[in-house]
C-alpha atoms as a PDB file:
ATOM      1  CA  MET A   1    -129.921  20.901 -57.907  1.00  0.00           C
ATOM      2  CA  PHE A   2    -127.671  22.112 -60.909  1.00  0.00           C
ATOM      3  CA  LEU A   3    -129.795  21.764 -63.974  1.00  0.00           C
ATOM      4  CA  ILE A   4    -128.031  22.325 -67.165  1.00  0.00           C
ATOM      5  CA  VAL A   5    -130.328  24.019 -69.906  1.00  0.00           C
ATOM      6  CA  GLN A   6    -129.877  22.277 -73.611  1.00  0.00           C
ATOM      7  CA  ASN A   7    -131.367  24.324 -76.316  1.00  0.00           C
ATOM      8  CA  ASP A   8    -129.862  22.385 -79.151  1.00  0.00           C
ATOM      9  CA  PRO A   9    -129.924  18.621 -79.685  1.00  0.00           C
ATOM     10  CA  GLN A  10    -126.691  18.556 -81.500  1.00  0.00           C
ATOM     11  CA  CYS A  11    -125.199  20.796 -78.031  1.00  0.00           C
ATOM     12  CA  PRO A  12    -124.892  18.585 -75.075  1.00  0.00           C
ATOM     13  CA  ALA A  13    -122.818  19.013 -72.085  1.00  0.00           C
ATOM     14  CA  GLY A  14    -120.202  17.219 -72.334  1.00  0.00           C
ATOM     15  CA  SER A  15    -117.265  17.652 -69.924  1.00  0.00           C
ATOM     16  CA  CYS A  16    -120.011  19.985 -67.380  1.00  0.00           C
ATOM     17  CA  SER A  17    -122.266  16.578 -66.825  1.00  0.00           C
ATOM     18  CA  ARG A  18    -119.236  14.590 -66.358  1.00  0.00           C
ATOM     19  CA  LEU A  19    -117.625  17.214 -63.683  1.00  0.00           C
ATOM     20  CA  LEU A  20    -120.671  17.698 -61.848  1.00  0.00           C
ATOM     21  CA  ALA A  21    -120.939  13.837 -61.503  1.00  0.00           C
ATOM     22  CA  ALA A  22    -117.548  13.464 -60.059  1.00  0.00           C
ATOM     23  CA  ALA A  23    -118.435  16.659 -57.917  1.00  0.00           C
ATOM     24  CA  GLY A  24    -121.585  14.027 -56.145  1.00  0.00           C
ATOM     25  CA  GLU A  25    -123.986  16.659 -57.455  1.00  0.00           C
ATOM     26  CA  THR A  26    -127.428  15.880 -58.729  1.00  0.00           C
ATOM     27  CA  VAL A  27    -127.626  17.444 -62.559  1.00  0.00           C
ATOM     28  CA  THR A  28    -131.498  18.098 -63.751  1.00  0.00           C
ATOM     29  CA  THR A  29    -130.769  19.006 -68.351  1.00  0.00           C
ATOM     30  CA  VAL A  30    -134.171  20.209 -69.416  1.00  0.00           C
ATOM     31  CA  THR A  31    -134.266  20.884 -73.131  1.00  0.00           C
ATOM     32  CA  PRO A  32    -136.785  23.304 -73.310  1.00  0.00           C
ATOM     33  CA  TYR A  33    -136.684  23.073 -77.842  1.00  0.00           C
ATOM     34  CA  SER A  34    -138.804  19.254 -77.130  1.00  0.00           C
ATOM     35  CA  GLY A  35    -141.332  21.556 -75.129  1.00  0.00           C
ATOM     36  CA  GLU A  36    -140.248  21.107 -71.230  1.00  0.00           C
ATOM     37  CA  VAL A  37    -140.907  22.559 -69.174  1.00  0.00           C
ATOM     38  CA  LEU A  38    -138.359  25.437 -67.806  1.00  0.00           C
ATOM     39  CA  PRO A  39    -138.538  25.036 -63.486  1.00  0.00           C
ATOM     40  CA  ASP A  40    -137.754  28.146 -61.617  1.00  0.00           C
ATOM     41  CA  PRO A  41    -134.154  29.025 -61.372  1.00  0.00           C
ATOM     42  CA  ALA A  42    -134.435  30.125 -57.474  1.00  0.00           C
ATOM     43  CA  GLU A  43    -134.523  26.284 -56.985  1.00  0.00           C
ATOM     44  CA  ALA A  44    -130.908  25.259 -58.864  1.00  0.00           C
ATOM     45  CA  THR A  45    -127.868  25.592 -57.037  1.00  0.00           C
ATOM     46  CA  GLY A  46    -126.259  26.517 -60.414  1.00  0.00           C
ATOM     47  CA  ILE A  47    -126.869  26.760 -63.976  1.00  0.00           C
ATOM     48  CA  VAL A  48    -125.449  25.803 -66.740  1.00  0.00           C
ATOM     49  CA  VAL A  49    -127.320  27.306 -70.381  1.00  0.00           C
ATOM     50  CA  LEU A  50    -125.761  25.698 -73.756  1.00  0.00           C
ATOM     51  CA  GLY A  51    -125.028  26.723 -76.970  1.00  0.00           C
ATOM     52  CA  GLY A  52    -126.342  25.851 -80.091  1.00  0.00           C
ATOM     53  CA  GLU A  53    -126.587  26.839 -84.256  1.00  0.00           C
ATOM     54  CA  MET A  54    -129.053  29.142 -83.920  1.00  0.00           C
ATOM     55  CA  GLY A  55    -129.109  32.807 -82.457  1.00  0.00           C
ATOM     56  CA  VAL A  56    -130.122  35.163 -79.976  1.00  0.00           C
ATOM     57  CA  HIS A  57    -133.175  36.415 -82.591  1.00  0.00           C
ATOM     58  CA  ASP A  58    -134.305  33.735 -84.424  1.00  0.00           C
ATOM     59  CA  THR A  59    -137.386  33.308 -82.043  1.00  0.00           C
ATOM     60  CA  ALA A  60    -139.588  33.058 -85.092  1.00  0.00           C
ATOM     61  CA  LYS A  61    -138.050  29.974 -86.107  1.00  0.00           C
ATOM     62  CA  HIS A  62    -137.003  28.787 -82.943  1.00  0.00           C
ATOM     63  CA  PRO A  63    -140.137  30.420 -80.427  1.00  0.00           C
ATOM     64  CA  TYR A  64    -138.791  28.466 -77.061  1.00  0.00           C
ATOM     65  CA  LEU A  65    -135.973  31.288 -77.375  1.00  0.00           C
ATOM     66  CA  THR A  66    -138.352  33.435 -75.684  1.00  0.00           C
ATOM     67  CA  ARG A  67    -138.789  31.091 -72.549  1.00  0.00           C
ATOM     68  CA  VAL A  68    -135.055  30.783 -72.617  1.00  0.00           C
ATOM     69  CA  LEU A  69    -134.590  35.280 -71.900  1.00  0.00           C
ATOM     70  CA  SER A  70    -137.624  34.811 -70.075  1.00  0.00           C
ATOM     71  CA  PHE A  71    -135.637  32.005 -67.493  1.00  0.00           C
ATOM     72  CA  LEU A  72    -133.007  33.977 -67.750  1.00  0.00           C
ATOM     73  CA  ARG A  73    -133.911  36.741 -66.475  1.00  0.00           C
ATOM     74  CA  GLU A  74    -136.064  35.091 -63.805  1.00  0.00           C
ATOM     75  CA  ALA A  75    -132.630  33.724 -62.873  1.00  0.00           C
ATOM     76  CA  LEU A  76    -130.398  36.805 -62.660  1.00  0.00           C
ATOM     77  CA  LYS A  77    -133.159  38.369 -60.128  1.00  0.00           C
ATOM     78  CA  ALA A  78    -133.259  35.306 -58.006  1.00  0.00           C
ATOM     79  CA  GLY A  79    -129.500  35.355 -57.750  1.00  0.00           C
ATOM     80  CA  THR A  80    -128.545  31.980 -59.094  1.00  0.00           C
ATOM     81  CA  PRO A  81    -125.335  30.827 -60.455  1.00  0.00           C
ATOM     82  CA  LEU A  82    -124.969  30.811 -63.963  1.00  0.00           C
ATOM     83  CA  LEU A  83    -122.797  29.747 -66.570  1.00  0.00           C
ATOM     84  CA  GLY A  84    -123.788  30.571 -70.407  1.00  0.00           C
ATOM     85  CA  ILE A  85    -122.023  29.295 -72.988  1.00  0.00           C
ATOM     86  CA  CYS A  86    -122.203  30.425 -76.543  1.00  0.00           C
ATOM     87  CA  LEU A  87    -125.242  30.961 -76.935  1.00  0.00           C
ATOM     88  CA  GLY A  88    -125.825  31.108 -73.284  1.00  0.00           C
ATOM     89  CA  GLY A  89    -123.293  33.645 -72.737  1.00  0.00           C
ATOM     90  CA  GLN A  90    -125.272  36.129 -75.974  1.00  0.00           C
ATOM     91  CA  LEU A  91    -128.656  35.096 -74.191  1.00  0.00           C
ATOM     92  CA  LEU A  92    -127.644  35.924 -71.249  1.00  0.00           C
ATOM     93  CA  SER A  93    -126.386  39.344 -72.439  1.00  0.00           C
ATOM     94  CA  PHE A  94    -128.980  40.269 -74.213  1.00  0.00           C
ATOM     95  CA  ALA A  95    -131.727  39.029 -71.848  1.00  0.00           C
ATOM     96  CA  ALA A  96    -129.721  41.746 -69.365  1.00  0.00           C
ATOM     97  CA  GLY A  97    -129.938  44.848 -72.013  1.00  0.00           C
ATOM     98  CA  GLY A  98    -126.448  44.128 -73.976  1.00  0.00           C
ATOM     99  CA  GLU A  99    -126.501  43.683 -78.016  1.00  0.00           C
ATOM    100  CA  VAL A 100    -125.704  40.248 -79.844  1.00  0.00           C
ATOM    101  CA  ILE A 101    -124.626  40.645 -83.164  1.00  0.00           C
ATOM    102  CA  SER A 102    -125.510  38.136 -86.087  1.00  0.00           C
ATOM    103  CA  ARG A 103    -123.359  37.340 -88.572  1.00  0.00           C
ATOM    104  CA  SER A 104    -120.519  39.640 -86.859  1.00  0.00           C
ATOM    105  CA  PRO A 105    -117.156  40.581 -88.039  1.00  0.00           C
ATOM    106  CA  ASN A 106    -116.164  39.305 -84.761  1.00  0.00           C
ATOM    107  CA  GLY A 107    -116.904  35.175 -85.534  1.00  0.00           C
ATOM    108  CA  GLU A 108    -114.517  32.882 -84.529  1.00  0.00           C
ATOM    109  CA  HIS A 109    -113.644  28.810 -84.976  1.00  0.00           C
ATOM    110  CA  GLY A 110    -111.343  26.662 -83.812  1.00  0.00           C
ATOM    111  CA  VAL A 111    -109.340  26.417 -81.024  1.00  0.00           C
ATOM    112  CA  CYS A 112    -108.315  30.151 -79.950  1.00  0.00           C
ATOM    113  CA  GLN A 113    -106.078  32.231 -77.474  1.00  0.00           C
ATOM    114  CA  VAL A 114    -108.186  33.986 -75.193  1.00  0.00           C
ATOM    115  CA  ASP A 115    -106.210  37.359 -72.910  1.00  0.00           C
ATOM    116  CA  LEU A 116    -107.497  38.195 -69.528  1.00  0.00           C
ATOM    117  CA  THR A 117    -108.885  41.560 -68.521  1.00  0.00           C
ATOM    118  CA  ARG A 118    -107.261  42.142 -64.876  1.00  0.00           C
ATOM    119  CA  GLU A 119    -110.844  42.131 -63.474  1.00  0.00           C
ATOM    120  CA  GLY A 120    -110.262  38.468 -65.186  1.00  0.00           C
ATOM    121  CA  GLU A 121    -107.412  37.346 -62.935  1.00  0.00           C
ATOM    122  CA  LEU A 122    -108.950  38.138 -59.984  1.00  0.00           C
ATOM    123  CA  ASP A 123    -112.672  36.368 -61.322  1.00  0.00           C
ATOM    124  CA  PRO A 124    -112.921  33.090 -58.974  1.00  0.00           C
ATOM    125  CA  LEU A 125    -114.164  32.401 -62.408  1.00  0.00           C
ATOM    126  CA  PHE A 126    -111.093  32.169 -63.878  1.00  0.00           C
ATOM    127  CA  ARG A 127    -109.037  31.687 -60.581  1.00  0.00           C
ATOM    128  CA  GLY A 128    -105.861  28.847 -61.495  1.00  0.00           C
ATOM    129  CA  LEU A 129    -106.131  29.679 -65.339  1.00  0.00           C
ATOM    130  CA  PRO A 130    -102.883  30.539 -67.374  1.00  0.00           C
ATOM    131  CA  ASP A 131    -103.311  34.316 -69.640  1.00  0.00           C
ATOM    132  CA  PRO A 132    -103.185  33.669 -71.893  1.00  0.00           C
ATOM    133  CA  PHE A 133    -105.466  29.988 -72.044  1.00  0.00           C
ATOM    134  CA  LEU A 134    -106.108  27.821 -75.014  1.00  0.00           C
ATOM    135  CA  ALA A 135    -109.995  28.003 -76.127  1.00  0.00           C
ATOM    136  CA  PHE A 136    -112.579  26.468 -78.608  1.00  0.00           C
ATOM    137  CA  GLN A 137    -114.580  28.598 -80.595  1.00  0.00           C
ATOM    138  CA  LEU A 138    -117.639  27.999 -82.429  1.00  0.00           C
ATOM    139  CA  HIS A 139    -119.213  30.870 -82.914  1.00  0.00           C
ATOM    140  CA  ASN A 140    -120.992  33.872 -85.574  1.00  0.00           C
ATOM    141  CA  ASP A 141    -122.879  35.723 -84.130  1.00  0.00           C
ATOM    142  CA  SER A 142    -120.899  37.596 -80.629  1.00  0.00           C
ATOM    143  CA  PHE A 143    -122.296  39.369 -77.905  1.00  0.00           C
ATOM    144  CA  THR A 144    -121.186  42.829 -76.288  1.00  0.00           C
ATOM    145  CA  VAL A 145    -121.174  43.519 -72.345  1.00  0.00           C
ATOM    146  CA  PRO A 146    -124.667  44.136 -70.682  1.00  0.00           C
ATOM    147  CA  PRO A 147    -124.866  47.206 -68.912  1.00  0.00           C
ATOM    148  CA  GLY A 148    -122.865  47.044 -65.324  1.00  0.00           C
ATOM    149  CA  ALA A 149    -121.356  44.286 -66.060  1.00  0.00           C
ATOM    150  CA  THR A 150    -117.703  43.675 -65.827  1.00  0.00           C
ATOM    151  CA  LEU A 151    -115.830  42.646 -68.715  1.00  0.00           C
ATOM    152  CA  LEU A 152    -113.242  39.328 -67.630  1.00  0.00           C
ATOM    153  CA  ALA A 153    -111.484  38.199 -71.440  1.00  0.00           C
ATOM    154  CA  ALA A 154    -110.911  39.309 -74.970  1.00  0.00           C
ATOM    155  CA  SER A 155    -109.851  37.731 -77.603  1.00  0.00           C
ATOM    156  CA  ALA A 156    -107.817  38.950 -80.630  1.00  0.00           C
ATOM    157  CA  ALA A 157    -111.346  38.703 -83.244  1.00  0.00           C
ATOM    158  CA  CYS A 158    -113.542  38.908 -80.583  1.00  0.00           C
ATOM    159  CA  PRO A 159    -113.883  41.601 -77.768  1.00  0.00           C
ATOM    160  CA  ALA A 160    -115.927  40.334 -75.660  1.00  0.00           C
ATOM    161  CA  GLN A 161    -115.180  36.878 -74.835  1.00  0.00           C
ATOM    162  CA  ALA A 162    -116.139  36.552 -71.520  1.00  0.00           C
ATOM    163  CA  PHE A 163    -118.130  39.004 -68.654  1.00  0.00           C
ATOM    164  CA  ARG A 164    -119.625  39.043 -65.028  1.00  0.00           C
ATOM    165  CA  LEU A 165    -123.233  40.184 -63.985  1.00  0.00           C
ATOM    166  CA  GLY A 166    -124.010  40.961 -60.177  1.00  0.00           C
ATOM    167  CA  PRO A 167    -121.873  38.052 -58.066  1.00  0.00           C
ATOM    168  CA  ALA A 168    -121.915  34.849 -60.190  1.00  0.00           C
ATOM    169  CA  ALA A 169    -124.062  35.156 -63.812  1.00  0.00           C
ATOM    170  CA  TYR A 170    -121.316  34.793 -66.184  1.00  0.00           C
ATOM    171  CA  GLY A 171    -121.266  34.265 -69.951  1.00  0.00           C
ATOM    172  CA  VAL A 172    -118.052  33.100 -72.074  1.00  0.00           C
ATOM    173  CA  GLN A 173    -118.210  33.021 -75.883  1.00  0.00           C
ATOM    174  CA  PHE A 174    -116.170  30.003 -75.714  1.00  0.00           C
ATOM    175  CA  HIS A 175    -116.356  26.295 -75.466  1.00  0.00           C
ATOM    176  CA  PRO A 176    -115.737  24.874 -71.988  1.00  0.00           C
ATOM    177  CA  GLU A 177    -117.437  22.008 -72.355  1.00  0.00           C
ATOM    178  CA  VAL A 178    -116.126  20.436 -75.663  1.00  0.00           C
ATOM    179  CA  ASP A 179    -114.264  17.078 -75.952  1.00  0.00           C
ATOM    180  CA  PRO A 180    -113.112  15.330 -79.119  1.00  0.00           C
ATOM    181  CA  SER A 181    -117.042  14.274 -79.694  1.00  0.00           C
ATOM    182  CA  ILE A 182    -118.552  16.391 -79.873  1.00  0.00           C
ATOM    183  CA  VAL A 183    -115.422  18.272 -81.768  1.00  0.00           C
ATOM    184  CA  ALA A 184    -116.110  15.626 -84.673  1.00  0.00           C
ATOM    185  CA  ALA A 185    -119.899  15.764 -84.333  1.00  0.00           C
ATOM    186  CA  TRP A 186    -119.917  19.608 -85.273  1.00  0.00           C
ATOM    187  CA  ASP A 187    -117.561  18.840 -88.017  1.00  0.00           C
ATOM    188  CA  LEU A 188    -120.051  16.410 -89.262  1.00  0.00           C
ATOM    189  CA  LEU A 189    -123.126  19.442 -89.622  1.00  0.00           C
ATOM    190  CA  PRO A 190    -124.026  20.932 -93.093  1.00  0.00           C
ATOM    191  CA  LEU A 191    -121.658  23.752 -92.968  1.00  0.00           C
ATOM    192  CA  PRO A 192    -118.909  24.576 -94.924  1.00  0.00           C
ATOM    193  CA  LYS A 193    -116.551  21.731 -94.525  1.00  0.00           C
ATOM    194  CA  THR A 194    -114.039  22.196 -92.080  1.00  0.00           C
ATOM    195  CA  ASP A 195    -111.637  19.636 -89.879  1.00  0.00           C
ATOM    196  CA  HIS A 196    -111.726  21.475 -86.432  1.00  0.00           C
ATOM    197  CA  LEU A 197    -110.604  17.705 -84.474  1.00  0.00           C
ATOM    198  CA  SER A 198    -107.213  18.009 -85.627  1.00  0.00           C
ATOM    199  CA  SER A 199    -106.643  20.824 -84.410  1.00  0.00           C
ATOM    200  CA  PHE A 200    -108.529  20.632 -81.077  1.00  0.00           C
ATOM    201  CA  LEU A 201    -106.556  16.863 -80.544  1.00  0.00           C
ATOM    202  CA  ALA A 202    -103.300  18.397 -80.872  1.00  0.00           C
ATOM    203  CA  ALA A 203    -104.336  21.267 -78.268  1.00  0.00           C
ATOM    204  CA  GLU A 204    -106.346  18.147 -76.005  1.00  0.00           C
ATOM    205  CA  ALA A 205    -104.145  18.535 -72.893  1.00  0.00           C
ATOM    206  CA  ALA A 206    -103.581  21.972 -72.608  1.00  0.00           C
ATOM    207  CA  PHE A 207    -107.370  22.700 -73.602  1.00  0.00           C
ATOM    208  CA  ASN A 208    -108.436  20.435 -70.996  1.00  0.00           C
ATOM    209  CA  LYS A 209    -106.759  21.492 -68.365  1.00  0.00           C
ATOM    210  CA  VAL A 210    -107.999  25.190 -68.757  1.00  0.00           C
ATOM    211  CA  SER A 211    -111.599  23.707 -69.335  1.00  0.00           C
ATOM    212  CA  GLN A 212    -111.590  21.705 -66.433  1.00  0.00           C
ATOM    213  CA  ARG A 213    -110.503  24.019 -64.128  1.00  0.00           C
ATOM    214  CA  LEU A 214    -113.105  26.701 -65.324  1.00  0.00           C
ATOM    215  CA  ILE A 215    -116.298  24.308 -64.979  1.00  0.00           C
ATOM    216  CA  GLY A 216    -114.840  23.259 -61.703  1.00  0.00           C
ATOM    217  CA  ASN A 217    -114.278  26.666 -60.049  1.00  0.00           C
ATOM    218  CA  PHE A 218    -118.283  27.271 -61.242  1.00  0.00           C
ATOM    219  CA  ILE A 219    -119.195  24.274 -59.532  1.00  0.00           C
ATOM    220  CA  SER A 220    -116.868  25.543 -56.427  1.00  0.00           C
ATOM    221  CA  LEU A 221    -118.818  29.541 -55.908  1.00  0.00           C
ATOM    222  CA  ALA A 222    -122.602  27.948 -57.154  1.00  0.00           C
ATOM    223  CA  ALA A 223    -121.968  25.098 -54.470  1.00  0.00           C
ATOM    224  CA  ALA A 224    -120.320  27.661 -51.418  1.00  0.00           C
ATOM    225  CA  SER A 225    -123.537  29.793 -52.524  1.00  0.00           C
ATOM    226  CA  ARG A 226    -125.900  27.516 -51.114  1.00  0.00           C
ATOM    227  CA  ILE A 227    -123.880  26.996 -47.927  1.00  0.00           C
ATOM    228  CA  SER A 228    -123.954  30.559 -47.504  1.00  0.00           C
END
């Protein structure tokens, strides 16, 4: 079973769900913001923790985030393969002792270029991706690489775009899961009005090639860890 943790009703799994279904994997989506109980992470083949408009430090307004942080610490102890996306990556960093900067100077919006480090070029999560690659970003906060983790990617605006902690726990600042419907919905949110959809559609072919490969790589490495 793959487990998807959805932190915000406006941040669905997008292509993650479709690619998992295409791979023949069983998927369970849990919405802790609605009060759903997070299962034992040791029972999952792999875990995807999605983004959200809230921040890691917003536990007073969103108390379920405390439960998500505890869940992530348990997942790290269990060694379950994990992919944290945007807020999910920030939560993973924070759970592992990293720092999350709110209203960070490293925020990014829209389609941006991401560069792999030498370690990222060799990591199975990024196998087959071009360097640099295009990613979709929508973050005002940013994470640091937690103690003991390896920096895998960076961008001109944001020095920590991806890290690996242990054998298969990953945090990424960008959004590989989005599709046009998600980006269009985000453009309608009560934020400073922007048109991210036009630039996303212009880069969609290159974006899809990268994002599908990255998510597919995560599915493959998680499935391989189950077999071993």
